[in-house]
PDB file of N, CA and C in Angstrom:
ATOM      1  N   MET A   1     107.521  84.035  87.184  1.00  0.00           N
ATOM      2  CA  MET A   1     109.223  84.257  88.779  1.00  0.00           C
ATOM      3  C   MET A   1     108.435  85.477  89.969  1.00  0.00           C
ATOM      4  N   ARG A   2     108.731  85.253  90.918  1.00  0.00           N
ATOM      5  CA  ARG A   2     108.282  85.918  91.952  1.00  0.00           C
ATOM      6  C   ARG A   2     109.568  87.171  92.124  1.00  0.00           C
ATOM      7  N   PRO A   3     109.394  87.755  92.500  1.00  0.00           N
ATOM      8  CA  PRO A   3     110.559  88.959  92.767  1.00  0.00           C
ATOM      9  C   PRO A   3     111.226  88.523  93.616  1.00  0.00           C
ATOM     10  N   GLN A   4     112.596  89.093  93.851  1.00  0.00           N
ATOM     11  CA  GLN A   4     113.478  88.892  94.980  1.00  0.00           C
ATOM     12  C   GLN A   4     112.593  89.344  96.732  1.00  0.00           C
ATOM     13  N   GLY A   5     112.779  88.878  97.076  1.00  0.00           N
ATOM     14  CA  GLY A   5     112.589  88.928  98.340  1.00  0.00           C
ATOM     15  C   GLY A   5     110.540  89.117  98.926  1.00  0.00           C
ATOM     16  N   SER A   6     110.149  87.984  97.664  1.00  0.00           N
ATOM     17  CA  SER A   6     108.850  87.598  98.276  1.00  0.00           C
ATOM     18  C   SER A   6     108.446  86.694  98.822  1.00  0.00           C
ATOM     19  N   ARG A   7     108.411  86.398  99.886  1.00  0.00           N
ATOM     20  CA  ARG A   7     108.627  85.552 100.693  1.00  0.00           C
ATOM     21  C   ARG A   7     107.196  85.061 101.250  1.00  0.00           C
ATOM     22  N   THR A   8     106.311  85.559 101.412  1.00  0.00           N
ATOM     23  CA  THR A   8     105.619  85.926 102.108  1.00  0.00           C
ATOM     24  C   THR A   8     104.248  85.030 101.119  1.00  0.00           C
ATOM     25  N   ARG A   9     103.397  83.864 102.066  1.00  0.00           N
ATOM     26  CA  ARG A   9     101.830  83.263 101.297  1.00  0.00           C
ATOM     27  C   ARG A   9     101.461  84.175 100.817  1.00  0.00           C
ATOM     28  N   PRO A  10     100.525  84.211 100.457  1.00  0.00           N
ATOM     29  CA  PRO A  10      99.412  85.207  99.389  1.00  0.00           C
ATOM     30  C   PRO A  10      98.279  84.684 100.261  1.00  0.00           C
ATOM     31  N   LEU A  11      98.072  86.003 100.352  1.00  0.00           N
ATOM     32  CA  LEU A  11      96.586  85.887 101.312  1.00  0.00           C
ATOM     33  C   LEU A  11      95.271  86.021 100.457  1.00  0.00           C
ATOM     34  N   SER A  12      94.394  85.213 100.562  1.00  0.00           N
ATOM     35  CA  SER A  12      92.770  85.403  99.954  1.00  0.00           C
ATOM     36  C   SER A  12      92.639  86.823 100.157  1.00  0.00           C
ATOM     37  N   LEU A  13      91.720  87.342  99.159  1.00  0.00           N
ATOM     38  CA  LEU A  13      90.672  88.647  99.364  1.00  0.00           C
ATOM     39  C   LEU A  13      90.083  88.617 100.571  1.00  0.00           C
ATOM     40  N   ARG A  14      89.388  87.760 100.867  1.00  0.00           N
ATOM     41  CA  ARG A  14      89.084  87.012 101.990  1.00  0.00           C
ATOM     42  C   ARG A  14      89.520  87.397 103.108  1.00  0.00           C
ATOM     43  N   GLU A  15      91.032  86.940 103.377  1.00  0.00           N
ATOM     44  CA  GLU A  15      91.843  87.057 104.654  1.00  0.00           C
ATOM     45  C   GLU A  15      92.050  88.593 104.723  1.00  0.00           C
ATOM     46  N   HIS A  16      92.194  89.359 103.929  1.00  0.00           N
ATOM     47  CA  HIS A  16      92.962  90.719 103.677  1.00  0.00           C
ATOM     48  C   HIS A  16      91.577  91.589 104.585  1.00  0.00           C
ATOM     49  N   MET A  17      90.247  91.120 103.837  1.00  0.00           N
ATOM     50  CA  MET A  17      89.252  91.690 104.590  1.00  0.00           C
ATOM     51  C   MET A  17      89.072  91.526 105.817  1.00  0.00           C
ATOM     52  N   LEU A  18      89.038  90.350 106.473  1.00  0.00           N
ATOM     53  CA  LEU A  18      89.233  90.029 107.360  1.00  0.00           C
ATOM     54  C   LEU A  18      90.280  90.627 108.656  1.00  0.00           C
ATOM     55  N   ALA A  19      91.260  89.897 108.381  1.00  0.00           N
ATOM     56  CA  ALA A  19      92.669  91.331 108.624  1.00  0.00           C
ATOM     57  C   ALA A  19      92.329  92.778 108.898  1.00  0.00           C
ATOM     58  N   ALA A  20      91.949  93.643 108.172  1.00  0.00           N
ATOM     59  CA  ALA A  20      91.162  95.142 107.738  1.00  0.00           C
ATOM     60  C   ALA A  20      90.646  94.608 109.328  1.00  0.00           C
ATOM     61  N   GLY A  21      89.971  94.219 109.227  1.00  0.00           N
ATOM     62  CA  GLY A  21      89.099  94.060 111.009  1.00  0.00           C
ATOM     63  C   GLY A  21      87.587  94.831 110.054  1.00  0.00           C
ATOM     64  N   ARG A  22      87.049  95.879 111.475  1.00  0.00           N
ATOM     65  CA  ARG A  22      86.205  97.229 111.058  1.00  0.00           C
ATOM     66  C   ARG A  22      86.936  97.754 110.720  1.00  0.00           C
ATOM     67  N   ARG A  23      87.909  98.550 110.170  1.00  0.00           N
ATOM     68  CA  ARG A  23      88.854  99.645 110.022  1.00  0.00           C
ATOM     69  C   ARG A  23      87.748 100.455 108.577  1.00  0.00           C
ATOM     70  N   GLY A  24      86.798  99.713 108.074  1.00  0.00           N
ATOM     71  CA  GLY A  24      86.642 100.127 107.347  1.00  0.00           C
ATOM     72  C   GLY A  24      85.679 102.280 107.795  1.00  0.00           C
ATOM     73  N   ARG A  25      85.181 102.291 106.179  1.00  0.00           N
ATOM     74  CA  ARG A  25      84.544 103.291 106.929  1.00  0.00           C
ATOM     75  C   ARG A  25      83.229 103.450 106.027  1.00  0.00           C
ATOM     76  N   ALA A  26      82.175 103.904 107.062  1.00  0.00           N
ATOM     77  CA  ALA A  26      80.671 103.314 106.533  1.00  0.00           C
ATOM     78  C   ALA A  26      80.354 105.368 105.052  1.00  0.00           C
ATOM     79  N   VAL A  27      79.352 104.260 104.189  1.00  0.00           N
ATOM     80  CA  VAL A  27      79.223 105.405 102.922  1.00  0.00           C
ATOM     81  C   VAL A  27      77.876 105.380 103.009  1.00  0.00           C
ATOM     82  N   THR A  28      77.810 106.187 103.008  1.00  0.00           N
ATOM     83  CA  THR A  28      75.968 106.819 102.704  1.00  0.00           C
ATOM     84  C   THR A  28      75.603 107.010 101.378  1.00  0.00           C
ATOM     85  N   TRP A  29      75.265 106.102 101.026  1.00  0.00           N
ATOM     86  CA  TRP A  29      74.647 107.062  99.366  1.00  0.00           C
ATOM     87  C   TRP A  29      73.148 106.563  98.517  1.00  0.00           C
ATOM     88  N   ARG A  30      72.180 107.455  98.157  1.00  0.00           N
ATOM     89  CA  ARG A  30      71.303 107.429  97.157  1.00  0.00           C
ATOM     90  C   ARG A  30      70.063 108.340  98.833  1.00  0.00           C
ATOM     91  N   LYS A  31      70.671 109.081  98.818  1.00  0.00           N
ATOM     92  CA  LYS A  31      69.685 109.903  99.342  1.00  0.00           C
ATOM     93  C   LYS A  31      68.694 110.786  98.893  1.00  0.00           C
ATOM     94  N   GLY A  32      67.732 110.188  99.027  1.00  0.00           N
ATOM     95  CA  GLY A  32      66.311 110.961  98.064  1.00  0.00           C
ATOM     96  C   GLY A  32      64.908 110.394  98.025  1.00  0.00           C
ATOM     97  N   SER A  33      64.033 110.086  96.911  1.00  0.00           N
ATOM     98  CA  SER A  33      63.198 109.323  96.820  1.00  0.00           C
ATOM     99  C   SER A  33      62.686 108.245  97.748  1.00  0.00           C
ATOM    100  N   ARG A  34      64.408 107.090  97.511  1.00  0.00           N
ATOM    101  CA  ARG A  34      64.067 106.150  98.061  1.00  0.00           C
ATOM    102  C   ARG A  34      64.813 106.076  99.624  1.00  0.00           C
ATOM    103  N   ALA A  35      64.902 104.781  99.985  1.00  0.00           N
ATOM    104  CA  ALA A  35      65.662 105.061 101.411  1.00  0.00           C
ATOM    105  C   ALA A  35      66.931 104.958 100.780  1.00  0.00           C
ATOM    106  N   ALA A  36      67.696 105.637 101.803  1.00  0.00           N
ATOM    107  CA  ALA A  36      69.020 105.991 102.024  1.00  0.00           C
ATOM    108  C   ALA A  36      70.007 104.634 102.419  1.00  0.00           C
ATOM    109  N   MET A  37      70.730 104.423 101.611  1.00  0.00           N
ATOM    110  CA  MET A  37      70.941 103.285 101.289  1.00  0.00           C
ATOM    111  C   MET A  37      73.059 103.421 101.828  1.00  0.00           C
ATOM    112  N   SER A  38      73.607 102.532 102.647  1.00  0.00           N
ATOM    113  CA  SER A  38      74.677 102.830 103.229  1.00  0.00           C
ATOM    114  C   SER A  38      75.333 100.530 103.700  1.00  0.00           C
ATOM    115  N   SER A  39      76.316 100.929 103.266  1.00  0.00           N
ATOM    116  CA  SER A  39      77.896  99.990 104.102  1.00  0.00           C
ATOM    117  C   SER A  39      79.169 100.462 104.406  1.00  0.00           C
ATOM    118  N   HIS A  40      80.008  99.304 104.948  1.00  0.00           N
ATOM    119  CA  HIS A  40      81.365  99.861 105.149  1.00  0.00           C
ATOM    120  C   HIS A  40      82.030  98.877 103.800  1.00  0.00           C
ATOM    121  N   PHE A  41      82.884  99.872 103.870  1.00  0.00           N
ATOM    122  CA  PHE A  41      83.879  99.841 102.385  1.00  0.00           C
ATOM    123  C   PHE A  41      85.448 100.270 103.218  1.00  0.00           C
ATOM    124  N   VAL A  42      86.377  99.175 102.928  1.00  0.00           N
ATOM    125  CA  VAL A  42      87.855  99.087 103.264  1.00  0.00           C
ATOM    126  C   VAL A  42      88.665  99.137 102.006  1.00  0.00           C
ATOM    127  N   LEU A  43      89.672  99.980 101.957  1.00  0.00           N
ATOM    128  CA  LEU A  43      90.654 100.144 100.922  1.00  0.00           C
ATOM    129  C   LEU A  43      91.621  99.341 101.606  1.00  0.00           C
ATOM    130  N   LEU A  44      92.390  98.390 100.896  1.00  0.00           N
ATOM    131  CA  LEU A  44      93.599  98.401 101.587  1.00  0.00           C
ATOM    132  C   LEU A  44      94.578  98.004  99.975  1.00  0.00           C
ATOM    133  N   ARG A  45      95.689  98.785 100.044  1.00  0.00           N
ATOM    134  CA  ARG A  45      97.160  98.517  99.346  1.00  0.00           C
ATOM    135  C   ARG A  45      97.735  96.688  98.834  1.00  0.00           C
ATOM    136  N   VAL A  46      97.583  95.776  98.228  1.00  0.00           N
ATOM    137  CA  VAL A  46      97.731  95.004  98.041  1.00  0.00           C
ATOM    138  C   VAL A  46      98.849  94.182  96.725  1.00  0.00           C
ATOM    139  N   ARG A  47      99.119  93.581  96.472  1.00  0.00           N
ATOM    140  CA  ARG A  47     100.185  93.133  95.244  1.00  0.00           C
ATOM    141  C   ARG A  47      98.912  92.070  94.722  1.00  0.00           C
ATOM    142  N   LEU A  48      98.939  91.999  93.517  1.00  0.00           N
ATOM    143  CA  LEU A  48      98.323  91.228  93.289  1.00  0.00           C
ATOM    144  C   LEU A  48      98.915  89.448  92.785  1.00  0.00           C
ATOM    145  N   ALA A  49      98.683  88.196  93.008  1.00  0.00           N
ATOM    146  CA  ALA A  49      98.841  86.923  93.252  1.00  0.00           C
ATOM    147  C   ALA A  49      98.479  85.878  92.532  1.00  0.00           C
ATOM    148  N   GLY A  50      99.189  84.684  91.811  1.00  0.00           N
ATOM    149  CA  GLY A  50      98.131  84.005  91.251  1.00  0.00           C
ATOM    150  C   GLY A  50      97.951  84.492  89.717  1.00  0.00           C
ATOM    151  N   ARG A  51      97.563  83.767  89.395  1.00  0.00           N
ATOM    152  CA  ARG A  51      97.349  83.396  87.208  1.00  0.00           C
ATOM    153  C   ARG A  51      99.281  84.606  86.768  1.00  0.00           C
ATOM    154  N   ARG A  52     100.224  84.174  87.590  1.00  0.00           N
ATOM    155  CA  ARG A  52     101.270  85.190  86.875  1.00  0.00           C
ATOM    156  C   ARG A  52     100.615  87.099  86.499  1.00  0.00           C
ATOM    157  N   PRO A  53     100.705  87.588  87.214  1.00  0.00           N
ATOM    158  CA  PRO A  53      99.994  89.315  87.599  1.00  0.00           C
ATOM    159  C   PRO A  53     101.760  89.632  87.291  1.00  0.00           C
ATOM    160  N   GLN A  54     101.193  91.033  86.360  1.00  0.00           N
ATOM    161  CA  GLN A  54     101.922  91.139  85.162  1.00  0.00           C
ATOM    162  C   GLN A  54     103.208  92.464  86.020  1.00  0.00           C
ATOM    163  N   PRO A  55     104.396  92.034  86.273  1.00  0.00           N
ATOM    164  CA  PRO A  55     105.344  93.126  87.112  1.00  0.00           C
ATOM    165  C   PRO A  55     105.351  94.067  86.464  1.00  0.00           C
ATOM    166  N   ALA A  56     106.200  94.637  86.707  1.00  0.00           N
ATOM    167  CA  ALA A  56     106.644  96.270  86.426  1.00  0.00           C
ATOM    168  C   ALA A  56     107.549  96.350  85.995  1.00  0.00           C
ATOM    169  N   CYS A  57     108.083  97.519  85.400  1.00  0.00           N
ATOM    170  CA  CYS A  57     109.292  97.545  84.559  1.00  0.00           C
ATOM    171  C   CYS A  57     110.510  96.640  85.082  1.00  0.00           C
ATOM    172  N   ASP A  58     110.195  97.094  86.476  1.00  0.00           N
ATOM    173  CA  ASP A  58     112.053  96.576  86.746  1.00  0.00           C
ATOM    174  C   ASP A  58     111.305  95.375  87.745  1.00  0.00           C
ATOM    175  N   GLY A  59     110.651  94.313  87.734  1.00  0.00           N
ATOM    176  CA  GLY A  59     110.354  93.388  88.003  1.00  0.00           C
ATOM    177  C   GLY A  59     109.721  92.415  88.652  1.00  0.00           C
ATOM    178  N   THR A  60     109.375  94.089  89.663  1.00  0.00           N
ATOM    179  CA  THR A  60     108.142  93.816  90.921  1.00  0.00           C
ATOM    180  C   THR A  60     106.744  94.213  91.009  1.00  0.00           C
ATOM    181  N   ILE A  61     106.266  93.422  91.699  1.00  0.00           N
ATOM    182  CA  ILE A  61     104.775  93.643  90.993  1.00  0.00           C
ATOM    183  C   ILE A  61     104.185  94.577  92.070  1.00  0.00           C
ATOM    184  N   PRO A  62     103.272  95.731  91.205  1.00  0.00           N
ATOM    185  CA  PRO A  62     102.740  96.606  91.341  1.00  0.00           C
ATOM    186  C   PRO A  62     101.604  96.728  92.621  1.00  0.00           C
ATOM    187  N   LEU A  63     101.795  97.458  93.491  1.00  0.00           N
ATOM    188  CA  LEU A  63     100.222  97.451  94.358  1.00  0.00           C
ATOM    189  C   LEU A  63      99.358  98.254  93.740  1.00  0.00           C
ATOM    190  N   VAL A  64      98.436  97.815  93.887  1.00  0.00           N
ATOM    191  CA  VAL A  64      97.109  98.383  93.293  1.00  0.00           C
ATOM    192  C   VAL A  64      95.669  98.121  94.662  1.00  0.00           C
ATOM    193  N   TRP A  65      94.932  98.679  94.620  1.00  0.00           N
ATOM    194  CA  TRP A  65      94.214  99.016  95.700  1.00  0.00           C
ATOM    195  C   TRP A  65      92.348  98.137  95.444  1.00  0.00           C
ATOM    196  N   LEU A  66      92.629  97.285  96.977  1.00  0.00           N
ATOM    197  CA  LEU A  66      91.952  96.336  96.967  1.00  0.00           C
ATOM    198  C   LEU A  66      90.361  97.292  97.940  1.00  0.00           C
ATOM    199  N   ILE A  67      89.255  97.077  96.828  1.00  0.00           N
ATOM    200  CA  ILE A  67      88.280  97.956  97.294  1.00  0.00           C
ATOM    201  C   ILE A  67      87.083  96.842  98.098  1.00  0.00           C
ATOM    202  N   ALA A  68      86.790  96.530  99.334  1.00  0.00           N
ATOM    203  CA  ALA A  68      86.273  95.541  99.678  1.00  0.00           C
ATOM    204  C   ALA A  68      84.999  96.532 100.708  1.00  0.00           C
ATOM    205  N   GLN A  69      83.352  95.471 100.577  1.00  0.00           N
ATOM    206  CA  GLN A  69      82.802  96.207 100.910  1.00  0.00           C
ATOM    207  C   GLN A  69      82.356  94.973 101.818  1.00  0.00           C
ATOM    208  N   TRP A  70      82.087  95.355 103.398  1.00  0.00           N
ATOM    209  CA  TRP A  70      82.112  94.814 104.502  1.00  0.00           C
ATOM    210  C   TRP A  70      80.428  94.925 104.734  1.00  0.00           C
ATOM    211  N   PRO A  71      79.410  94.137 105.090  1.00  0.00           N
ATOM    212  CA  PRO A  71      79.492  92.878 105.965  1.00  0.00           C
ATOM    213  C   PRO A  71      80.336  91.647 105.453  1.00  0.00           C
ATOM    214  N   GLU A  72      80.633  90.546 105.631  1.00  0.00           N
ATOM    215  CA  GLU A  72      80.682  89.555 105.024  1.00  0.00           C
ATOM    216  C   GLU A  72      79.686  89.456 104.271  1.00  0.00           C
ATOM    217  N   ASP A  73      78.209  88.821 104.630  1.00  0.00           N
ATOM    218  CA  ASP A  73      77.177  88.366 103.496  1.00  0.00           C
ATOM    219  C   ASP A  73      77.305  89.800 102.506  1.00  0.00           C
ATOM    220  N   GLN A  74      77.591  90.902 102.529  1.00  0.00           N
ATOM    221  CA  GLN A  74      77.645  91.154 101.544  1.00  0.00           C
ATOM    222  C   GLN A  74      79.013  91.512 100.628  1.00  0.00           C
ATOM    223  N   GLY A  75      79.786  90.928 100.698  1.00  0.00           N
ATOM    224  CA  GLY A  75      81.334  90.767 100.447  1.00  0.00           C
ATOM    225  C   GLY A  75      81.475  91.156  98.857  1.00  0.00           C
ATOM    226  N   GLU A  76      81.400  92.091  98.268  1.00  0.00           N
ATOM    227  CA  GLU A  76      82.383  92.252  97.790  1.00  0.00           C
ATOM    228  C   GLU A  76      83.720  92.455  96.821  1.00  0.00           C
ATOM    229  N   TYR A  77      84.757  92.869  95.907  1.00  0.00           N
ATOM    230  CA  TYR A  77      85.773  93.286  95.933  1.00  0.00           C
ATOM    231  C   TYR A  77      86.351  93.069  94.199  1.00  0.00           C
ATOM    232  N   ARG A  78      87.039  95.279  94.453  1.00  0.00           N
ATOM    233  CA  ARG A  78      87.090  94.592  93.131  1.00  0.00           C
ATOM    234  C   ARG A  78      88.453  95.864  93.199  1.00  0.00           C
ATOM    235  N   PHE A  79      89.331  95.432  91.991  1.00  0.00           N
ATOM    236  CA  PHE A  79      91.232  96.231  92.300  1.00  0.00           C
ATOM    237  C   PHE A  79      90.956  97.265  91.050  1.00  0.00           C
ATOM    238  N   VAL A  80      91.469  98.224  92.043  1.00  0.00           N
ATOM    239  CA  VAL A  80      91.328  99.559  90.872  1.00  0.00           C
ATOM    240  C   VAL A  80      92.414 100.018  91.014  1.00  0.00           C
ATOM    241  N   VAL A  81      93.169 100.144  89.548  1.00  0.00           N
ATOM    242  CA  VAL A  81      94.486 100.490  89.175  1.00  0.00           C
ATOM    243  C   VAL A  81      94.632 102.215  89.449  1.00  0.00           C
ATOM    244  N   ARG A  82      95.502 102.678  89.873  1.00  0.00           N
ATOM    245  CA  ARG A  82      96.004 103.664  90.319  1.00  0.00           C
ATOM    246  C   ARG A  82      97.134 104.409  90.843  1.00  0.00           C
ATOM    247  N   PRO A  83      97.983 105.318  90.480  1.00  0.00           N
ATOM    248  CA  PRO A  83      99.176 105.518  90.890  1.00  0.00           C
ATOM    249  C   PRO A  83      98.848 105.541  92.447  1.00  0.00           C
ATOM    250  N   GLY A  84     100.220 105.060  93.752  1.00  0.00           N
ATOM    251  CA  GLY A  84     100.236 104.877  94.501  1.00  0.00           C
ATOM    252  C   GLY A  84      99.872 106.207  95.589  1.00  0.00           C
ATOM    253  N   ALA A  85     100.109 107.195  95.221  1.00  0.00           N
ATOM    254  CA  ALA A  85      99.296 108.522  96.426  1.00  0.00           C
ATOM    255  C   ALA A  85      98.057 109.058  95.963  1.00  0.00           C
ATOM    256  N   ALA A  86      97.880 108.139  95.304  1.00  0.00           N
ATOM    257  CA  ALA A  86      95.936 108.112  95.199  1.00  0.00           C
ATOM    258  C   ALA A  86      94.978 108.165  96.516  1.00  0.00           C
TER     259      ALA A  86
END
């Protein structure tokens, strides 16, 4: 059962990432004897959809962080459950 007021069509991870565009930040890591590696990352607050996401005590579906790596050919997605202010 969807919470009251949740009338929008769920977006795919790809749609969220593309909608975020190039707002992501470039991150460089692994400095040292090997060449530095870098990529762009986008962090978005989303609500999980599909496969019956676990609602909070008040019946709403909680927000979680979506961490997406950009560009598309290296696209990887992770959800991180952290407090809203994190």
